[in-house]
């Protein structure tokens, strides 16, 4: 099956991926400013890739569906595959720094995972949800960072907080 260069389905997918990239960038900017191992480009690519995988699955289903062939689809499997792949990427950002057990990168790993979820939201046209969650995530990363610093001042001596 051949499609034209200006195929409306492909243009729609491209628009969704662009939106996912922009929303991923908003989270990535925070991680970049915090000098974390996964920053702007990583978060953009995670959100964009997640949207693309979901939309390609939907497109493939449409392309190969016909009256004579019955194809069963399970969208949860596709989402699970995306989450599994992104989880490996996030795990790579988690580092144990010293013998004392200081762990870094947990927040960045979580932000990568939620960037993927935002990409999936965009892919299934849940735009309000995607934008709202992006705002919440940026609020958590930026707003709670200041609260964490204040709480560290009151932490008991010898307490080793987990670093983000």
Protein backbone atom coordinates (compact mmCIF):
# COMPACT_ATOMS: atom_id res chain seq x y z
CA UNK A 1 0.00 0.00 0.00
CA UNK A 2 1.58 3.25 -1.14
CA UNK A 3 0.75 6.62 0.30
CA UNK A 4 1.40 10.13 -0.90
CA UNK A 5 3.93 12.48 0.61
CA UNK A 6 1.12 14.62 2.00
CA UNK A 7 -0.76 11.70 3.53
CA UNK A 8 -3.09 13.21 6.18
CA UNK A 9 -2.49 10.28 8.55
CA UNK A 10 1.27 10.73 8.41
CA UNK A 11 0.92 14.49 8.84
CA UNK A 12 -1.30 13.90 11.87
CA UNK A 13 1.27 11.52 13.36
CA UNK A 14 4.01 14.07 12.71
CA UNK A 15 1.95 16.77 14.46
CA UNK A 16 1.39 14.53 17.48
CA UNK A 17 5.09 13.69 17.69
CA UNK A 18 5.95 17.41 17.47
CA UNK A 19 3.61 18.17 20.34
CA UNK A 20 5.13 15.35 22.39
CA UNK A 21 8.61 16.72 21.67
CA UNK A 22 7.59 20.18 22.89
CA UNK A 23 6.04 18.83 26.09
CA UNK A 24 9.09 16.62 26.69
CA UNK A 25 11.28 19.70 26.22
CA UNK A 26 9.50 21.51 29.05
CA UNK A 27 10.52 18.74 31.44
CA UNK A 28 13.96 18.41 29.88
CA UNK A 29 14.72 22.08 30.43
CA UNK A 30 14.37 21.57 34.18
CA UNK A 31 16.68 18.55 34.15
CA UNK A 32 19.15 20.47 31.98
CA UNK A 33 19.16 23.43 34.38
CA UNK A 34 19.71 21.01 37.26
CA UNK A 35 22.71 19.55 35.35
CA UNK A 36 21.29 16.02 35.38
CA UNK A 37 22.48 13.18 33.12
CA UNK A 38 19.32 13.22 31.00
CA UNK A 39 18.33 16.70 29.93
CA UNK A 40 16.54 18.57 27.20
CA UNK A 41 17.23 16.35 24.19
CA UNK A 42 16.73 13.08 26.07
CA UNK A 43 13.32 14.09 27.42
CA UNK A 44 12.24 15.40 24.03
CA UNK A 45 13.26 12.18 22.31
CA UNK A 46 11.64 9.96 24.95
CA UNK A 47 8.30 11.77 24.68
CA UNK A 48 8.48 11.88 20.88
CA UNK A 49 9.48 8.22 20.54
CA UNK A 50 6.70 7.11 22.86
CA UNK A 51 4.11 8.98 20.81
CA UNK A 52 5.55 7.62 17.58
CA UNK A 53 5.53 3.99 18.74
CA UNK A 54 1.91 4.18 19.82
CA UNK A 55 0.80 5.93 16.65
CA UNK A 56 2.74 3.57 14.41
CA UNK A 57 1.01 0.64 16.10
CA UNK A 58 -2.36 2.23 15.40
CA UNK A 59 -1.34 3.01 11.82
CA UNK A 60 -0.12 -0.54 11.21
CA UNK A 61 -3.35 -1.94 12.54
CA UNK A 62 -5.32 0.27 10.15
CA UNK A 63 -3.01 -0.57 7.23
CA UNK A 64 -3.22 -4.33 7.59
CA UNK A 65 -6.86 -4.56 8.58
CA UNK A 66 -9.24 -5.80 5.94
CA UNK A 67 -12.55 -7.58 5.78
CA UNK A 68 -10.86 -10.88 4.98
CA UNK A 69 -8.15 -10.69 7.67
CA UNK A 70 -8.89 -10.39 11.35
CA UNK A 71 -6.13 -8.81 13.41
CA UNK A 72 -6.49 -8.58 17.15
CA UNK A 73 -4.93 -5.64 18.88
CA UNK A 74 -4.04 -5.07 22.49
CA UNK A 75 -3.06 -1.44 23.10
CA UNK A 76 -1.86 -2.30 26.60
CA UNK A 77 0.85 -4.54 25.16
CA UNK A 78 2.14 -1.70 23.03
CA UNK A 79 2.19 0.64 26.00
CA UNK A 80 3.94 -2.05 28.07
CA UNK A 81 6.63 -2.40 25.41
CA UNK A 82 7.24 1.36 25.39
CA UNK A 83 7.39 1.49 29.20
CA UNK A 84 9.80 -1.45 29.32
CA UNK A 85 12.17 0.17 26.84
CA UNK A 86 12.04 3.54 28.55
CA UNK A 87 12.63 1.90 31.94
CA UNK A 88 15.98 0.59 30.76
CA UNK A 89 16.92 4.08 29.64
CA UNK A 90 15.85 5.52 32.99
CA UNK A 91 17.78 2.87 34.91
CA UNK A 92 20.92 4.07 33.17
CA UNK A 93 20.58 7.46 34.87
CA UNK A 94 20.60 5.99 38.39
CA UNK A 95 24.05 5.97 39.94
CA UNK A 96 25.37 4.88 43.31
CA UNK A 97 28.03 7.48 44.04
CA UNK A 98 30.05 6.23 46.99
CA UNK A 99 30.50 3.51 49.59
CA UNK A 100 28.08 5.37 51.85
CA UNK A 101 25.32 4.45 49.42
CA UNK A 102 24.40 7.89 48.10
CA UNK A 103 22.10 7.34 45.12
CA UNK A 104 21.62 9.90 42.36
CA UNK A 105 19.40 10.03 39.32
CA UNK A 106 16.13 8.70 40.69
CA UNK A 107 14.20 11.86 39.91
CA UNK A 108 15.68 11.99 36.42
CA UNK A 109 14.70 8.36 35.84
CA UNK A 110 11.17 9.15 37.01
CA UNK A 111 11.03 12.23 34.77
CA UNK A 112 12.06 10.09 31.78
CA UNK A 113 9.26 7.65 32.56
CA UNK A 114 6.65 10.38 32.87
CA UNK A 115 7.91 12.02 29.65
CA UNK A 116 7.12 8.68 27.97
CA UNK A 117 3.65 8.68 29.53
CA UNK A 118 3.09 12.22 28.26
CA UNK A 119 4.12 11.09 24.78
CA UNK A 120 1.60 8.26 25.00
CA UNK A 121 -1.10 10.72 26.09
CA UNK A 122 -0.37 12.86 23.03
CA UNK A 123 -0.44 9.77 20.81
CA UNK A 124 -3.96 8.89 21.93
CA UNK A 125 -5.09 12.54 21.58
CA UNK A 126 -5.40 13.18 25.30
CA UNK A 127 -3.99 16.68 24.83
CA UNK A 128 -5.45 18.33 27.92
CA UNK A 129 -4.13 15.48 30.05
CA UNK A 130 -0.69 15.69 28.39
CA UNK A 131 -0.42 19.45 28.90
CA UNK A 132 -1.78 19.29 32.44
CA UNK A 133 0.61 16.52 33.49
CA UNK A 134 3.52 18.39 31.91
CA UNK A 135 2.65 21.46 33.99
CA UNK A 136 2.35 19.33 37.12
CA UNK A 137 5.72 17.67 36.47
CA UNK A 138 7.48 20.97 35.87
CA UNK A 139 5.85 22.29 39.05
CA UNK A 140 7.06 19.28 41.02
CA UNK A 141 10.59 19.50 39.63
CA UNK A 142 10.96 23.26 40.03
CA UNK A 143 8.72 24.01 43.01
CA UNK A 144 9.59 21.11 45.25
CA UNK A 145 13.30 21.57 44.59
CA UNK A 146 13.19 24.68 46.77
CA UNK A 147 11.20 22.87 49.47
CA UNK A 148 13.71 20.00 49.51
CA UNK A 149 16.58 22.43 50.07
CA UNK A 150 14.77 23.94 53.04
CA UNK A 151 14.00 20.51 54.51
CA UNK A 152 17.65 19.47 54.23
CA UNK A 153 18.58 22.27 56.62
CA UNK A 154 16.40 20.67 59.27
CA UNK A 155 17.48 17.08 58.61
CA UNK A 156 19.09 15.32 61.60
CA UNK A 157 22.87 15.01 61.59
CA UNK A 158 24.15 11.96 59.83
CA UNK A 159 20.99 11.70 57.74
CA UNK A 160 21.95 10.96 54.13
CA UNK A 161 19.18 12.12 51.81
CA UNK A 162 18.69 10.51 48.42
CA UNK A 163 19.79 12.99 45.80
CA UNK A 164 17.66 13.71 42.74
